[in-house]
Amino acid sequence: MKSLSISRTAPAVQSVFRVVVGFLFACHGVASLFGVLGGAVGTHGGTVPFASWPGWWAAAIQLVCGVLVALGAGTRAAALVASGSMAYAYFTVHFPNSPFPIENQGEPSALYAWGFLLIAALGPGPWTVVEWVRKIARTAPAARPAGAE
């Protein structure tokens, strides 16, 4: 029986990690912007007020960057923005209460910040929407002008 090596499975795991982290991050944005999935934190199922700082903008970043990262489109830039937004959240909201995430309830912010930084550094992995479109474009027959046979 042949065992799977880390080097052979790493690209697949990298892609799956990116998709899962991006999807979960986008869910936070959807919850805060549209009041679904439990709504914004502290609103009892509601939304954050439109264009309010920093809540609405954070939710917009979560939605847009989460979707881009999950799809693998503009991954490095989107992951860097997402990482920065979570580092900002950690240091402005959680850190003043305690430097330790376990005490200040900042674990999700810290984990997202580091997870997105990892994605930004390593890239999207092989399974992306961009690669899927490129593959389709390479295998599609050349377009012919109308009436040409």
C-alpha atoms as a PDB file:
ATOM      1  CA  MET A   1       0.000   0.000   0.000  1.00  0.00           C
ATOM      2  CA  LYS A   2       1.438   3.336  -1.050  1.00  0.00           C
ATOM      3  CA  SER A   3       1.276   6.095   1.560  1.00  0.00           C
ATOM      4  CA  LEU A   4       0.413   9.681   0.748  1.00  0.00           C
ATOM      5  CA  SER A   5       3.309  12.015   1.220  1.00  0.00           C
ATOM      6  CA  ILE A   6       2.978  15.522   2.604  1.00  0.00           C
ATOM      7  CA  SER A   7       4.511  16.971  -0.551  1.00  0.00           C
ATOM      8  CA  ARG A   8       1.870  15.305  -2.743  1.00  0.00           C
ATOM      9  CA  THR A   9      -1.112  16.343  -0.632  1.00  0.00           C
ATOM     10  CA  ALA A  10       0.035  19.847   0.329  1.00  0.00           C
ATOM     11  CA  PRO A  11      -1.350  21.625  -2.769  1.00  0.00           C
ATOM     12  CA  ALA A  12      -4.791  20.083  -2.273  1.00  0.00           C
ATOM     13  CA  VAL A  13      -4.821  20.864   1.446  1.00  0.00           C
ATOM     14  CA  GLN A  14      -3.695  24.425   0.676  1.00  0.00           C
ATOM     15  CA  SER A  15      -6.623  24.906  -1.703  1.00  0.00           C
ATOM     16  CA  VAL A  16      -9.154  23.372   0.696  1.00  0.00           C
ATOM     17  CA  PHE A  17      -7.823  25.506   3.588  1.00  0.00           C
ATOM     18  CA  ARG A  18      -8.219  28.645   1.435  1.00  0.00           C
ATOM     19  CA  VAL A  19     -11.782  27.746   0.435  1.00  0.00           C
ATOM     20  CA  VAL A  20     -12.895  26.937   3.995  1.00  0.00           C
ATOM     21  CA  VAL A  21     -11.311  30.026   5.574  1.00  0.00           C
ATOM     22  CA  GLY A  22     -12.648  32.300   2.823  1.00  0.00           C
ATOM     23  CA  PHE A  23     -16.148  30.830   3.074  1.00  0.00           C
ATOM     24  CA  LEU A  24     -16.296  31.146   6.869  1.00  0.00           C
ATOM     25  CA  PHE A  25     -15.034  34.741   6.687  1.00  0.00           C
ATOM     26  CA  ALA A  26     -17.643  35.613   4.047  1.00  0.00           C
ATOM     27  CA  CYS A  27     -20.338  34.164   6.329  1.00  0.00           C
ATOM     28  CA  HIS A  28     -19.393  36.743   8.983  1.00  0.00           C
ATOM     29  CA  GLY A  29     -19.867  39.510   6.425  1.00  0.00           C
ATOM     30  CA  VAL A  30     -23.209  38.135   5.224  1.00  0.00           C
ATOM     31  CA  ALA A  31     -24.455  37.834   8.811  1.00  0.00           C
ATOM     32  CA  SER A  32     -23.526  41.415   9.670  1.00  0.00           C
ATOM     33  CA  LEU A  33     -24.697  43.018   6.432  1.00  0.00           C
ATOM     34  CA  PHE A  34     -27.934  41.087   5.892  1.00  0.00           C
ATOM     35  CA  GLY A  35     -28.964  39.871   9.351  1.00  0.00           C
ATOM     36  CA  VAL A  36     -28.887  36.183   8.419  1.00  0.00           C
ATOM     37  CA  LEU A  37     -26.974  33.317  10.050  1.00  0.00           C
ATOM     38  CA  GLY A  38     -27.641  34.842  13.460  1.00  0.00           C
ATOM     39  CA  GLY A  39     -27.009  38.432  12.402  1.00  0.00           C
ATOM     40  CA  ALA A  40     -24.281  40.804  13.508  1.00  0.00           C
ATOM     41  CA  VAL A  41     -22.659  40.164  16.878  1.00  0.00           C
ATOM     42  CA  GLY A  42     -24.516  42.006  19.636  1.00  0.00           C
ATOM     43  CA  THR A  43     -27.571  42.889  17.514  1.00  0.00           C
ATOM     44  CA  HIS A  44     -29.821  39.919  18.368  1.00  0.00           C
ATOM     45  CA  GLY A  45     -30.054  38.923  14.704  1.00  0.00           C
ATOM     46  CA  GLY A  46     -29.857  42.414  13.236  1.00  0.00           C
ATOM     47  CA  THR A  47     -27.451  44.150  10.927  1.00  0.00           C
ATOM     48  CA  VAL A  48     -24.774  46.778  11.362  1.00  0.00           C
ATOM     49  CA  PRO A  49     -25.877  50.288  10.361  1.00  0.00           C
ATOM     50  CA  PHE A  50     -25.006  51.185   6.769  1.00  0.00           C
ATOM     51  CA  ALA A  51     -21.533  52.748   6.376  1.00  0.00           C
ATOM     52  CA  SER A  52     -20.932  52.815  10.161  1.00  0.00           C
ATOM     53  CA  TRP A  53     -17.292  52.743  11.242  1.00  0.00           C
ATOM     54  CA  PRO A  54     -15.851  50.221  11.708  1.00  0.00           C
ATOM     55  CA  GLY A  55     -18.635  47.601  11.774  1.00  0.00           C
ATOM     56  CA  TRP A  56     -20.167  48.009   8.337  1.00  0.00           C
ATOM     57  CA  TRP A  57     -16.792  48.417   6.640  1.00  0.00           C
ATOM     58  CA  ALA A  58     -15.413  45.356   8.426  1.00  0.00           C
ATOM     59  CA  ALA A  59     -18.440  43.348   7.286  1.00  0.00           C
ATOM     60  CA  ALA A  60     -17.983  44.552   3.701  1.00  0.00           C
ATOM     61  CA  ILE A  61     -14.319  43.490   3.824  1.00  0.00           C
ATOM     62  CA  GLN A  62     -15.336  40.132   5.280  1.00  0.00           C
ATOM     63  CA  LEU A  63     -17.845  39.496   2.514  1.00  0.00           C
ATOM     64  CA  VAL A  64     -15.789  40.698  -0.455  1.00  0.00           C
ATOM     65  CA  CYS A  65     -12.413  39.354   0.658  1.00  0.00           C
ATOM     66  CA  GLY A  66     -13.928  36.102   1.902  1.00  0.00           C
ATOM     67  CA  VAL A  67     -15.574  35.427  -1.460  1.00  0.00           C
ATOM     68  CA  LEU A  68     -12.427  36.363  -3.408  1.00  0.00           C
ATOM     69  CA  VAL A  69     -10.236  34.147  -1.230  1.00  0.00           C
ATOM     70  CA  ALA A  70     -12.689  31.233  -1.396  1.00  0.00           C
ATOM     71  CA  LEU A  71     -12.816  31.463  -5.191  1.00  0.00           C
ATOM     72  CA  GLY A  72      -9.080  31.953  -5.551  1.00  0.00           C
ATOM     73  CA  ALA A  73      -9.438  35.224  -7.472  1.00  0.00           C
ATOM     74  CA  GLY A  74      -7.101  38.023  -6.420  1.00  0.00           C
ATOM     75  CA  THR A  75      -6.245  35.766  -3.522  1.00  0.00           C
ATOM     76  CA  ARG A  76      -3.014  37.283  -2.241  1.00  0.00           C
ATOM     77  CA  ALA A  77      -4.306  40.869  -2.204  1.00  0.00           C
ATOM     78  CA  ALA A  78      -7.685  39.913  -0.721  1.00  0.00           C
ATOM     79  CA  ALA A  79      -6.028  37.748   1.941  1.00  0.00           C
ATOM     80  CA  LEU A  80      -3.650  40.564   2.854  1.00  0.00           C
ATOM     81  CA  VAL A  81      -6.542  43.020   3.274  1.00  0.00           C
ATOM     82  CA  ALA A  82      -8.487  40.447   5.317  1.00  0.00           C
ATOM     83  CA  SER A  83      -5.455  39.740   7.499  1.00  0.00           C
ATOM     84  CA  GLY A  84      -4.913  43.440   8.128  1.00  0.00           C
ATOM     85  CA  SER A  85      -8.556  44.005   9.006  1.00  0.00           C
ATOM     86  CA  MET A  86      -8.451  41.191  11.551  1.00  0.00           C
ATOM     87  CA  ALA A  87      -5.178  42.453  13.040  1.00  0.00           C
ATOM     88  CA  TYR A  88      -6.795  45.897  13.335  1.00  0.00           C
ATOM     89  CA  ALA A  89      -9.833  44.330  15.036  1.00  0.00           C
ATOM     90  CA  TYR A  90      -7.632  42.417  17.437  1.00  0.00           C
ATOM     91  CA  PHE A  91      -5.512  45.371  18.486  1.00  0.00           C
ATOM     92  CA  THR A  92      -8.317  47.946  18.717  1.00  0.00           C
ATOM     93  CA  VAL A  93     -11.128  45.838  20.186  1.00  0.00           C
ATOM     94  CA  HIS A  94      -9.577  42.897  22.033  1.00  0.00           C
ATOM     95  CA  PHE A  95      -6.008  43.752  23.022  1.00  0.00           C
ATOM     96  CA  PRO A  96      -6.936  46.713  25.269  1.00  0.00           C
ATOM     97  CA  ASN A  97      -8.773  44.256  27.543  1.00  0.00           C
ATOM     98  CA  SER A  98      -5.845  41.834  27.815  1.00  0.00           C
ATOM     99  CA  PRO A  99      -2.885  40.846  25.651  1.00  0.00           C
ATOM    100  CA  PHE A 100      -3.996  37.189  25.693  1.00  0.00           C
ATOM    101  CA  PRO A 101      -6.632  36.082  23.135  1.00  0.00           C
ATOM    102  CA  ILE A 102      -8.055  33.490  25.527  1.00  0.00           C
ATOM    103  CA  GLU A 103      -8.841  36.263  28.013  1.00  0.00           C
ATOM    104  CA  ASN A 104      -9.964  38.996  25.625  1.00  0.00           C
ATOM    105  CA  GLN A 105     -12.194  36.887  23.330  1.00  0.00           C
ATOM    106  CA  GLY A 106      -9.921  37.779  20.410  1.00  0.00           C
ATOM    107  CA  GLU A 107      -9.139  34.251  19.269  1.00  0.00           C
ATOM    108  CA  PRO A 108     -11.204  34.421  16.050  1.00  0.00           C
ATOM    109  CA  SER A 109      -9.597  37.733  15.067  1.00  0.00           C
ATOM    110  CA  ALA A 110      -6.105  36.431  15.796  1.00  0.00           C
ATOM    111  CA  LEU A 111      -6.678  33.152  13.961  1.00  0.00           C
ATOM    112  CA  TYR A 112      -8.151  34.878  10.907  1.00  0.00           C
ATOM    113  CA  ALA A 113      -5.289  37.408  10.859  1.00  0.00           C
ATOM    114  CA  TRP A 114      -2.654  34.671  10.867  1.00  0.00           C
ATOM    115  CA  GLY A 115      -4.610  32.323   8.575  1.00  0.00           C
ATOM    116  CA  PHE A 116      -5.067  35.005   5.940  1.00  0.00           C
ATOM    117  CA  LEU A 117      -1.424  36.037   6.257  1.00  0.00           C
ATOM    118  CA  LEU A 118      -0.484  32.416   5.531  1.00  0.00           C
ATOM    119  CA  ILE A 119      -2.771  32.378   2.474  1.00  0.00           C
ATOM    120  CA  ALA A 120      -1.280  35.671   1.263  1.00  0.00           C
ATOM    121  CA  ALA A 121       2.242  34.279   1.644  1.00  0.00           C
ATOM    122  CA  LEU A 122       1.635  30.837   0.115  1.00  0.00           C
ATOM    123  CA  GLY A 123      -0.884  31.782  -2.556  1.00  0.00           C
ATOM    124  CA  PRO A 124      -4.151  30.111  -3.474  1.00  0.00           C
ATOM    125  CA  GLY A 125      -2.998  26.599  -4.297  1.00  0.00           C
ATOM    126  CA  PRO A 126      -3.878  24.830  -7.532  1.00  0.00           C
ATOM    127  CA  TRP A 127      -7.674  24.675  -7.279  1.00  0.00           C
ATOM    128  CA  THR A 128      -9.045  28.109  -8.128  1.00  0.00           C
ATOM    129  CA  VAL A 129     -11.797  29.528 -10.267  1.00  0.00           C
ATOM    130  CA  VAL A 130      -9.129  31.371 -12.239  1.00  0.00           C
ATOM    131  CA  GLU A 131      -7.375  28.084 -13.106  1.00  0.00           C
ATOM    132  CA  TRP A 132     -10.710  26.469 -13.956  1.00  0.00           C
ATOM    133  CA  VAL A 133     -11.521  29.284 -16.418  1.00  0.00           C
ATOM    134  CA  ARG A 134      -8.018  29.070 -17.946  1.00  0.00           C
ATOM    135  CA  LYS A 135      -8.421  25.336 -18.393  1.00  0.00           C
ATOM    136  CA  ILE A 136     -11.766  25.801 -20.142  1.00  0.00           C
ATOM    137  CA  ALA A 137     -10.276  28.507 -22.375  1.00  0.00           C
ATOM    138  CA  ARG A 138      -7.364  26.226 -23.377  1.00  0.00           C
ATOM    139  CA  THR A 139      -9.633  23.296 -24.249  1.00  0.00           C
ATOM    140  CA  ALA A 140     -12.414  25.277 -25.972  1.00  0.00           C
ATOM    141  CA  PRO A 141     -12.402  25.106 -29.765  1.00  0.00           C
ATOM    142  CA  ALA A 142     -11.372  28.290 -31.548  1.00  0.00           C
ATOM    143  CA  ALA A 143     -14.317  30.528 -32.344  1.00  0.00           C
ATOM    144  CA  ARG A 144     -15.217  30.729 -36.027  1.00  0.00           C
ATOM    145  CA  PRO A 145     -16.769  33.731 -37.724  1.00  0.00           C
ATOM    146  CA  ALA A 146     -20.458  33.365 -38.538  1.00  0.00           C
ATOM    147  CA  GLY A 147     -21.032  31.607 -41.850  1.00  0.00           C
ATOM    148  CA  ALA A 148     -17.505  30.186 -42.053  1.00  0.00           C
ATOM    149  CA  GLU A 149     -17.309  26.440 -42.707  1.00  0.00           C
END
